[in-house]
Amino acid sequence: MRILVIGAGAREHALVLALASDPIVTAMACAPGNAGTAAAAEQVGVDVADPASVAKLATAWAADLVVIGPEGPLVAGAADAVRAAGIACFGPSAGAARIEGSKAFAKEVMAVAGVPTARSELVDNPGRLDAALRHFGSPWVVKDDRLAAGKGVVVTEDLEVARAHALTLLDGGHPVLLESFLDGPEFSLFCLVDTRRTVVPLLPAQDYKRVGDGDVGPNTGGMGAYAPLPWAPESLAADVVARIVQPVVDELARRGVPFSGLLYAGLALTTAGPQVIEFNCRFGDPETQVVLSLLRTPLAGLLMATATATLAEQPPLDWDAGAAVVVVVAAEGYPGLPRIGDVITGSGDPGVLHAGARRRHDGAVVSAGGRVLSVLGAGVDLAAARKQAYERVDQVHLPGGHYRRDIGLRATRRADGPSAGA
């Protein structure tokens, strides 16, 4: 099987490595790829924002399966273009990808499907903003309605901070979604979904959105993750599928936009049970890095089964009994304007996945984005996985680089209740 992966981040590096280990894969390419994916896949250039260019590349490269990593190409219709060219594609149509592309659309789908989620209001007029903010009260949750790479959300107890963020979005022509705050540990559940409405959950994971230790500072695209969740009930994934994911999948199909690909539910485990924070239409970064490292079932066959609506015929998934932790090393300035061009050393370890990194003309690996590396650790339990991850981080040097030191820490100290999840 010839597989073309679209994207350039650590998520795509993890996908390439997992797919390359599947014996049915005969050739692998990544477009545009990065300094890490180059070791396992042919690197080819493409404008990922242009669906026609993605489909043209898939045809020219004679791909049997195209796996689209980022949300931008999916919302733009890249999966539709690939399928129109007669090639199997792992990723939803543009219509189904609206579940991530428009938070207001996602809320509408959840309301009809009876899915538990935060109370919300869409504000598209600055004149309505102050009344809406008073209606919700502290803490305020202010979201960009459109794609924002994980950085369009502000959660704050300061009214002026909430108001300023909302006005910045509105002034930029972006509608604002205000939500009630969901208390409880957050977690992610990835589900493979095909057009026959079959849903296969992967391992739940927890990621860390805030830039600093102790969950301080602004939101990011994700500073680390771990899996599995030692504090979660064994029935958690099945409960989320039954109460949340399956009803949403059924509602999308009813609307004529059946989902095919990876449906990612971002959730809070509240006292009333799991409630939805957001839906994404693709593998999440950095959770993908830990989840795929624990998956023992060959990935290529799974993704092809998803793309060809044969998921129901697949055997149960096989998982490693241990744990995994990933720590993101970010460039100076991130999540603001990152400094780029710094030489990275120590990134050759197989547990170091590349994201915002490129190989310079002289062979040096240099920073080229905000989240530069994802450093993975695995072990018999979470403590062992943390130890290996941070030992590997210690071997990496990025001038001005920074990372969180508390990924998975509370969960290792207390694995007997939801309070361990933060």
Protein backbone atom coordinates (compact mmCIF):
# COMPACT_ATOMS: atom_id res chain seq x y z
CA MET A 1 0.00 0.00 0.00
CA ARG A 2 1.27 3.46 -0.97
CA ILE A 3 0.35 6.08 1.64
CA LEU A 4 0.61 9.85 1.34
CA VAL A 5 0.45 11.81 4.61
CA ILE A 6 -0.44 15.51 4.38
CA GLY A 7 1.05 17.83 7.01
CA ALA A 8 4.28 18.99 8.60
CA GLY A 9 3.97 18.66 12.38
CA ALA A 10 4.86 16.22 15.14
CA ARG A 11 1.42 14.65 14.65
CA GLU A 12 2.38 13.80 11.07
CA HIS A 13 5.79 12.54 12.22
CA ALA A 14 3.99 10.18 14.63
CA LEU A 15 1.60 9.07 11.89
CA VAL A 16 4.46 8.42 9.46
CA LEU A 17 6.35 6.32 12.02
CA ALA A 18 3.27 4.29 12.95
CA LEU A 19 2.26 3.73 9.33
CA ALA A 20 5.80 2.84 8.23
CA SER A 21 5.88 0.01 10.79
CA ASP A 22 2.81 -1.63 9.20
CA PRO A 23 4.02 -4.46 6.91
CA ILE A 24 1.33 -3.75 4.31
CA VAL A 25 2.89 -0.34 3.56
CA THR A 26 5.19 -0.49 0.52
CA ALA A 27 5.84 3.24 0.05
CA MET A 28 5.38 6.34 2.17
CA ALA A 29 5.44 10.04 1.38
CA CYS A 30 4.80 13.12 3.51
CA ALA A 31 3.83 16.49 2.08
CA PRO A 32 5.38 18.85 2.87
CA GLY A 33 6.88 16.95 5.84
CA ASN A 34 9.66 18.11 8.15
CA ALA A 35 13.19 17.27 9.25
CA GLY A 36 11.94 14.22 11.15
CA THR A 37 9.56 12.70 8.61
CA ALA A 38 12.34 12.76 6.01
CA ALA A 39 13.98 9.77 7.73
CA ALA A 40 10.96 7.52 7.13
CA ALA A 41 9.12 8.98 4.13
CA GLU A 42 9.72 10.62 0.78
CA GLN A 43 9.26 14.39 1.11
CA VAL A 44 7.15 16.09 -1.56
CA GLY A 45 6.04 19.67 -1.87
CA VAL A 46 2.38 20.70 -1.89
CA ASP A 47 0.20 23.68 -1.04
CA VAL A 48 -1.82 22.04 1.74
CA ALA A 49 -4.34 24.91 1.66
CA ASP A 50 -5.31 24.10 -1.95
CA PRO A 51 -7.51 20.96 -2.22
CA ALA A 52 -6.87 20.66 -5.96
CA SER A 53 -3.10 20.62 -5.39
CA VAL A 54 -3.45 17.88 -2.76
CA ALA A 55 -5.55 15.74 -5.11
CA LYS A 56 -3.16 16.36 -8.01
CA LEU A 57 -0.20 15.24 -5.89
CA ALA A 58 -2.05 12.14 -4.67
CA THR A 59 -2.78 11.18 -8.28
CA ALA A 60 0.74 11.88 -9.55
CA TRP A 61 2.30 9.93 -6.68
CA ALA A 62 -0.18 7.05 -7.24
CA ALA A 63 -1.30 6.96 -3.62
CA ASP A 64 -3.58 4.15 -2.49
CA LEU A 65 -4.51 6.09 0.65
CA VAL A 66 -4.17 9.75 1.60
CA VAL A 67 -4.07 10.61 5.32
CA ILE A 68 -4.75 14.30 6.00
CA GLY A 69 -3.33 15.51 9.31
CA PRO A 70 -4.19 19.22 9.81
CA GLU A 71 -7.65 20.71 10.12
CA GLY A 72 -7.11 23.51 7.57
CA PRO A 73 -7.01 21.28 4.46
CA LEU A 74 -9.98 19.26 5.75
CA VAL A 75 -12.17 22.32 6.32
CA ALA A 76 -11.11 23.58 2.87
CA GLY A 77 -12.27 20.34 1.21
CA ALA A 78 -9.04 18.44 0.55
CA ALA A 79 -10.63 15.08 1.39
CA ASP A 80 -13.46 15.75 -1.07
CA ALA A 81 -10.95 16.54 -3.83
CA VAL A 82 -8.92 13.40 -3.15
CA ARG A 83 -11.99 11.17 -3.17
CA ALA A 84 -13.23 12.85 -6.34
CA ALA A 85 -9.93 11.77 -7.93
CA GLY A 86 -10.81 8.16 -7.08
CA ILE A 87 -8.34 7.76 -4.19
CA ALA A 88 -9.23 6.54 -0.69
CA CYS A 89 -8.84 9.27 1.91
CA PHE A 90 -8.68 9.29 5.70
CA GLY A 91 -10.38 12.53 6.64
CA PRO A 92 -13.89 14.02 6.63
CA SER A 93 -15.57 16.00 3.87
CA ALA A 94 -15.67 19.78 4.15
CA GLY A 95 -19.30 19.53 5.26
CA ALA A 96 -18.51 17.13 8.09
CA ALA A 97 -15.32 19.04 9.02
CA ARG A 98 -17.53 21.99 10.02
CA ILE A 99 -17.78 20.20 13.37
CA GLU A 100 -14.38 21.83 13.99
CA GLY A 101 -14.47 24.66 11.47
CA SER A 102 -17.46 26.34 13.14
CA LYS A 103 -18.01 26.07 16.87
CA ALA A 104 -21.53 27.43 16.41
CA PHE A 105 -22.29 24.58 13.98
CA ALA A 106 -20.91 22.07 16.47
CA LYS A 107 -23.13 23.50 19.21
CA GLU A 108 -26.17 23.26 16.93
CA VAL A 109 -25.42 19.61 16.13
CA MET A 110 -24.92 18.79 19.82
CA ALA A 111 -28.17 20.52 20.78
CA VAL A 112 -30.18 18.49 18.27
CA ALA A 113 -28.34 15.27 19.25
CA GLY A 114 -28.93 15.85 22.96
CA VAL A 115 -25.22 15.84 23.78
CA PRO A 116 -24.10 17.34 27.12
CA THR A 117 -22.01 20.48 26.61
CA ALA A 118 -21.50 23.95 28.03
CA ARG A 119 -24.22 26.56 27.68
CA SER A 120 -23.20 28.99 24.93
CA GLU A 121 -24.09 32.13 23.00
CA LEU A 122 -22.74 33.35 19.65
CA VAL A 123 -21.97 37.08 19.56
CA ASP A 124 -21.35 38.73 16.19
CA ASN A 125 -22.09 42.33 17.15
CA PRO A 126 -19.91 44.34 19.61
CA GLY A 127 -23.06 46.07 20.81
CA ARG A 128 -24.33 42.80 22.31
CA LEU A 129 -21.06 41.84 23.94
CA ASP A 130 -21.32 43.48 27.37
CA ALA A 131 -24.80 42.13 28.05
CA ALA A 132 -23.69 38.65 27.00
CA LEU A 133 -20.63 38.77 29.26
CA ARG A 134 -22.80 39.83 32.23
CA HIS A 135 -25.18 36.96 31.44
CA PHE A 136 -22.42 34.34 31.71
CA GLY A 137 -20.39 35.63 34.64
CA SER A 138 -16.98 34.52 35.90
CA PRO A 139 -14.99 32.57 34.88
CA TRP A 140 -15.50 33.69 31.29
CA VAL A 141 -14.80 31.35 28.38
CA VAL A 142 -14.33 33.31 25.14
CA LYS A 143 -13.70 31.42 21.89
CA ASP A 144 -13.03 32.29 18.29
CA ASP A 145 -15.85 30.62 16.35
CA ARG A 146 -13.46 29.65 13.57
CA LEU A 147 -10.18 27.72 13.36
CA ALA A 148 -7.50 29.21 15.60
CA ALA A 149 -4.87 26.46 15.98
CA GLY A 150 -5.85 25.93 19.62
CA LYS A 151 -5.00 29.52 20.54
CA GLY A 152 -8.35 31.27 20.03
CA VAL A 153 -9.66 30.53 23.52
CA VAL A 154 -9.35 32.65 26.66
CA VAL A 155 -10.55 31.39 30.05
CA THR A 156 -10.34 34.13 32.67
CA GLU A 157 -11.86 35.52 35.85
CA ASP A 158 -10.97 39.05 34.70
CA LEU A 159 -13.89 40.69 32.89
CA GLU A 160 -11.66 43.19 31.08
CA VAL A 161 -9.40 40.42 29.76
CA ALA A 162 -12.46 38.54 28.48
CA ARG A 163 -13.89 41.67 26.91
CA ALA A 164 -10.61 42.66 25.25
CA HIS A 165 -10.16 39.20 23.69
CA ALA A 166 -13.74 39.20 22.41
CA LEU A 167 -13.40 42.69 20.90
CA THR A 168 -10.15 41.72 19.18
CA LEU A 169 -11.92 38.79 17.54
CA LEU A 170 -14.98 40.84 16.60
CA ASP A 171 -12.84 43.64 15.19
CA GLY A 172 -11.14 41.03 13.01
CA GLY A 173 -14.49 39.89 11.63
CA HIS A 174 -14.61 36.71 13.76
CA PRO A 175 -17.84 35.85 15.58
CA VAL A 176 -17.28 35.08 19.27
CA LEU A 177 -18.66 32.11 21.18
CA LEU A 178 -19.19 32.66 24.90
CA GLU A 179 -19.56 29.55 27.04
CA SER A 180 -20.22 28.59 30.61
CA PHE A 181 -17.19 27.14 32.36
CA LEU A 182 -17.02 23.36 32.73
CA ASP A 183 -15.30 22.34 35.96
CA GLY A 184 -13.41 19.06 36.16
CA PRO A 185 -10.34 17.46 34.56
CA GLU A 186 -10.14 17.72 30.79
CA PHE A 187 -9.34 14.80 28.51
CA SER A 188 -9.41 13.85 24.85
CA LEU A 189 -10.98 10.85 23.17
CA PHE A 190 -10.08 10.04 19.56
CA CYS A 191 -12.60 7.92 17.65
CA LEU A 192 -12.24 6.29 14.25
CA VAL A 193 -15.52 6.81 12.40
CA ASP A 194 -16.66 5.56 8.99
CA THR A 195 -19.62 6.48 6.80
CA ARG A 196 -21.55 3.45 8.02
CA ARG A 197 -21.57 5.21 11.41
CA THR A 198 -19.24 2.68 13.01
CA VAL A 199 -17.33 4.26 15.93
CA VAL A 200 -14.11 2.76 17.33
CA PRO A 201 -12.61 4.67 20.29
CA LEU A 202 -8.86 4.88 20.91
CA LEU A 203 -7.27 5.37 24.34
CA PRO A 204 -8.37 8.47 26.27
CA ALA A 205 -5.51 10.94 26.80
CA GLN A 206 -4.95 14.23 28.58
CA ASP A 207 -3.18 17.20 27.05
CA TYR A 208 -1.93 20.46 28.56
CA LYS A 209 -3.12 23.62 26.83
CA ARG A 210 -1.54 26.36 28.95
CA VAL A 211 2.03 27.37 28.30
CA GLY A 212 3.28 27.25 31.89
CA ASP A 213 3.57 24.79 34.76
CA GLY A 214 0.49 24.63 36.94
CA ASP A 215 -1.71 25.63 33.99
CA VAL A 216 -0.72 29.29 33.94
CA GLY A 217 -0.27 31.60 30.99
CA PRO A 218 -2.01 31.73 27.61
CA ASN A 219 -3.44 28.79 25.68
CA THR A 220 -1.25 27.01 23.16
CA GLY A 221 -1.68 24.27 20.60
CA GLY A 222 -0.67 21.85 23.37
CA MET A 223 2.46 21.57 25.56
CA GLY A 224 2.34 17.87 26.36
CA ALA A 225 0.12 14.85 26.92
CA TYR A 226 -0.06 11.43 28.54
CA ALA A 227 -2.04 8.22 28.18
CA PRO A 228 -3.72 6.22 29.54
CA LEU A 229 -5.56 8.03 32.35
CA PRO A 230 -4.94 6.20 35.64
CA TRP A 231 -7.60 8.28 37.39
CA ALA A 232 -10.41 7.56 34.93
CA PRO A 233 -13.04 4.81 35.20
CA GLU A 234 -12.55 1.87 32.81
CA SER A 235 -15.95 2.57 31.27
CA LEU A 236 -15.04 6.16 30.31
CA ALA A 237 -14.44 5.61 26.57
CA ALA A 238 -17.55 3.46 26.14
CA ASP A 239 -19.63 6.02 28.05
CA VAL A 240 -18.39 8.90 25.88
CA VAL A 241 -19.09 6.95 22.69
CA ALA A 242 -22.62 6.06 23.78
CA ARG A 243 -23.63 9.46 25.19
CA ILE A 244 -21.65 11.83 22.98
CA VAL A 245 -19.81 10.57 19.90
CA GLN A 246 -22.39 8.17 18.46
CA PRO A 247 -25.26 10.70 18.72
CA VAL A 248 -23.14 13.32 16.94
CA VAL A 249 -22.11 10.85 14.22
CA ASP A 250 -25.75 9.88 13.72
CA GLU A 251 -26.84 13.53 13.52
CA LEU A 252 -24.16 14.40 10.95
CA ALA A 253 -25.31 11.46 8.82
CA ARG A 254 -28.92 12.61 9.16
CA ARG A 255 -27.87 16.02 7.82
CA GLY A 256 -26.31 14.43 4.76
CA VAL A 257 -22.68 14.98 5.82
CA PRO A 258 -21.62 11.57 7.19
CA PHE A 259 -18.31 11.66 9.03
CA SER A 260 -15.33 9.61 7.87
CA GLY A 261 -11.98 9.85 9.61
CA LEU A 262 -10.94 10.80 13.12
CA LEU A 263 -13.51 12.53 15.33
CA TYR A 264 -11.80 14.04 18.37
CA ALA A 265 -13.89 14.91 21.39
CA GLY A 266 -12.36 17.36 23.86
CA LEU A 267 -14.17 16.80 27.14
CA ALA A 268 -14.42 17.74 30.80
CA LEU A 269 -15.22 15.06 33.38
CA THR A 270 -17.70 17.05 35.48
CA THR A 271 -19.69 15.89 38.51
CA ALA A 272 -22.56 15.27 36.06
CA GLY A 273 -20.37 13.10 33.81
CA PRO A 274 -18.42 13.87 30.62
CA GLN A 275 -19.38 17.06 28.80
CA VAL A 276 -18.07 18.37 25.48
CA ILE A 277 -15.69 21.30 25.35
CA GLU A 278 -15.09 21.03 21.61
CA PHE A 279 -14.96 18.68 18.66
CA ASN A 280 -12.06 18.41 16.22
CA CYS A 281 -12.11 16.65 12.86
CA ARG A 282 -8.60 15.16 12.94
CA PHE A 283 -5.92 13.63 15.13
CA GLY A 284 -4.89 16.04 17.90
CA ASP A 285 -1.36 17.20 18.57
CA PRO A 286 0.25 16.26 21.01
CA GLU A 287 -2.16 13.47 22.07
CA THR A 288 -1.55 11.56 18.83
CA GLN A 289 2.08 11.06 19.79
CA VAL A 290 1.22 9.18 23.00
CA VAL A 291 -1.86 7.32 21.75
CA LEU A 292 -0.20 5.93 18.62
CA SER A 293 2.92 4.93 20.57
CA LEU A 294 0.73 2.58 22.64
CA LEU A 295 -1.29 1.14 19.73
CA ARG A 296 -0.18 -2.35 18.75
CA THR A 297 -2.78 -2.92 16.01
CA PRO A 298 -1.19 -2.05 12.62
CA LEU A 299 -2.31 1.49 11.76
CA ALA A 300 -2.43 1.43 7.95
CA GLY A 301 -5.09 -1.26 7.80
CA LEU A 302 -7.18 0.61 10.38
CA LEU A 303 -7.05 3.90 8.49
CA MET A 304 -7.85 2.19 5.18
CA ALA A 305 -10.79 0.40 6.82
CA THR A 306 -12.03 3.78 8.05
CA ALA A 307 -11.67 5.31 4.59
CA THR A 308 -13.47 2.39 2.92
CA ALA A 309 -16.27 2.03 5.51
CA THR A 310 -15.21 -1.43 6.72
CA LEU A 311 -14.39 -0.57 10.35
CA ALA A 312 -17.05 -2.95 11.65
CA GLU A 313 -15.10 -5.87 10.14
CA GLN A 314 -11.91 -5.10 12.05
CA PRO A 315 -10.87 -7.07 15.16
CA PRO A 316 -10.70 -5.32 18.56
CA LEU A 317 -7.76 -2.97 18.97
CA ASP A 318 -4.61 -4.24 20.70
CA TRP A 319 -2.88 -1.88 23.16
CA ASP A 320 0.41 -1.83 25.01
CA ALA A 321 -0.16 -2.33 28.75
CA GLY A 322 2.19 0.53 29.67
CA ALA A 323 1.99 4.32 29.51
CA ALA A 324 3.37 7.15 27.39
CA VAL A 325 4.19 10.82 28.01
CA VAL A 326 5.10 13.50 25.50
CA VAL A 327 6.71 16.85 26.37
CA VAL A 328 6.65 19.68 23.82
CA VAL A 329 9.76 21.83 23.48
CA ALA A 330 8.74 25.25 22.20
CA ALA A 331 10.70 28.14 20.72
CA GLU A 332 11.44 31.35 22.58
CA GLY A 333 8.45 33.67 22.26
CA TYR A 334 5.83 30.95 21.80
CA PRO A 335 2.78 31.14 21.93
CA GLY A 336 3.44 34.64 20.70
CA LEU A 337 5.84 35.29 17.81
CA PRO A 338 8.41 32.47 18.01
CA ARG A 339 12.10 32.96 17.33
CA ILE A 340 13.19 30.76 14.43
CA GLY A 341 16.48 29.69 12.90
CA ASP A 342 18.15 28.44 16.10
CA VAL A 343 20.24 25.31 15.73
CA ILE A 344 18.82 22.28 17.57
CA THR A 345 21.13 19.59 18.95
CA GLY A 346 20.24 16.21 20.43
CA SER A 347 17.14 15.75 18.27
CA GLY A 348 18.27 12.50 16.65
CA ASP A 349 16.83 10.22 19.36
CA PRO A 350 13.99 8.06 17.95
CA GLY A 351 11.78 9.35 20.75
CA VAL A 352 12.12 12.94 19.51
CA LEU A 353 9.41 13.88 17.00
CA HIS A 354 9.85 16.96 14.84
CA ALA A 355 7.28 19.71 14.35
CA GLY A 356 8.51 23.28 13.81
CA ALA A 357 11.94 22.12 12.66
CA ARG A 358 13.66 22.00 9.28
CA ARG A 359 16.99 20.86 7.93
CA ARG A 360 19.19 23.74 6.78
CA HIS A 361 21.29 23.60 3.59
CA ASP A 362 24.37 22.68 5.66
CA GLY A 363 22.59 19.74 7.28
CA ALA A 364 21.87 21.38 10.63
CA VAL A 365 18.37 21.04 12.11
CA VAL A 366 16.98 24.48 13.00
CA SER A 367 13.79 25.78 14.59
CA ALA A 368 11.11 26.85 12.12
CA GLY A 369 7.97 27.33 14.22
CA GLY A 370 6.48 27.65 17.68
CA ARG A 371 6.20 24.08 18.89
CA VAL A 372 9.53 22.70 17.71
CA LEU A 373 9.82 19.15 19.07
CA SER A 374 7.65 16.54 20.80
CA VAL A 375 9.76 14.37 23.10
CA LEU A 376 8.22 10.98 23.84
CA GLY A 377 8.74 8.64 26.77
CA ALA A 378 7.26 5.19 27.39
CA GLY A 379 7.31 2.83 30.36
CA VAL A 380 5.49 0.24 32.38
CA ASP A 381 3.56 3.00 34.12
CA LEU A 382 3.15 6.76 33.99
CA ALA A 383 6.05 7.47 36.36
CA ALA A 384 8.44 5.43 34.20
CA ALA A 385 7.18 7.09 31.03
CA ARG A 386 7.66 10.55 32.57
CA LYS A 387 11.18 9.66 33.62
CA GLN A 388 12.17 8.60 30.12
CA ALA A 389 10.51 11.61 28.48
CA TYR A 390 12.32 14.14 30.68
CA GLU A 391 15.63 12.29 30.36
CA ARG A 392 15.28 12.70 26.60
CA VAL A 393 14.33 16.37 26.97
CA ASP A 394 17.55 16.89 28.93
CA GLN A 395 19.52 15.70 25.89
CA VAL A 396 17.90 18.27 23.58
CA HIS A 397 19.25 21.78 23.30
CA LEU A 398 17.33 24.64 21.69
CA PRO A 399 18.56 28.16 22.51
CA GLY A 400 15.74 29.98 24.31
CA GLY A 401 13.55 26.88 24.19
CA HIS A 402 11.05 26.17 26.95
CA TYR A 403 8.80 23.33 28.08
CA ARG A 404 6.52 22.34 30.93
CA ARG A 405 7.98 20.21 33.71
CA ASP A 406 4.68 18.95 35.10
CA ILE A 407 3.27 16.81 32.27
CA GLY A 408 1.47 13.88 33.94
CA LEU A 409 2.89 14.79 37.36
CA ARG A 410 -0.32 14.99 39.39
CA ALA A 411 -1.64 11.82 37.80
CA THR A 412 1.46 9.91 38.97
CA ARG A 413 1.04 11.22 42.50
CA ARG A 414 -2.62 10.38 42.85
CA ALA A 415 -4.20 7.95 40.43
CA ASP A 416 -7.31 7.18 42.43
CA GLY A 417 -9.67 10.01 41.48
CA PRO A 418 -10.55 12.69 38.92
CA SER A 419 -8.64 15.35 40.89
CA ALA A 420 -5.47 13.68 39.64
CA GLY A 421 -6.23 14.70 36.13
CA ALA A 422 -5.17 18.33 36.19
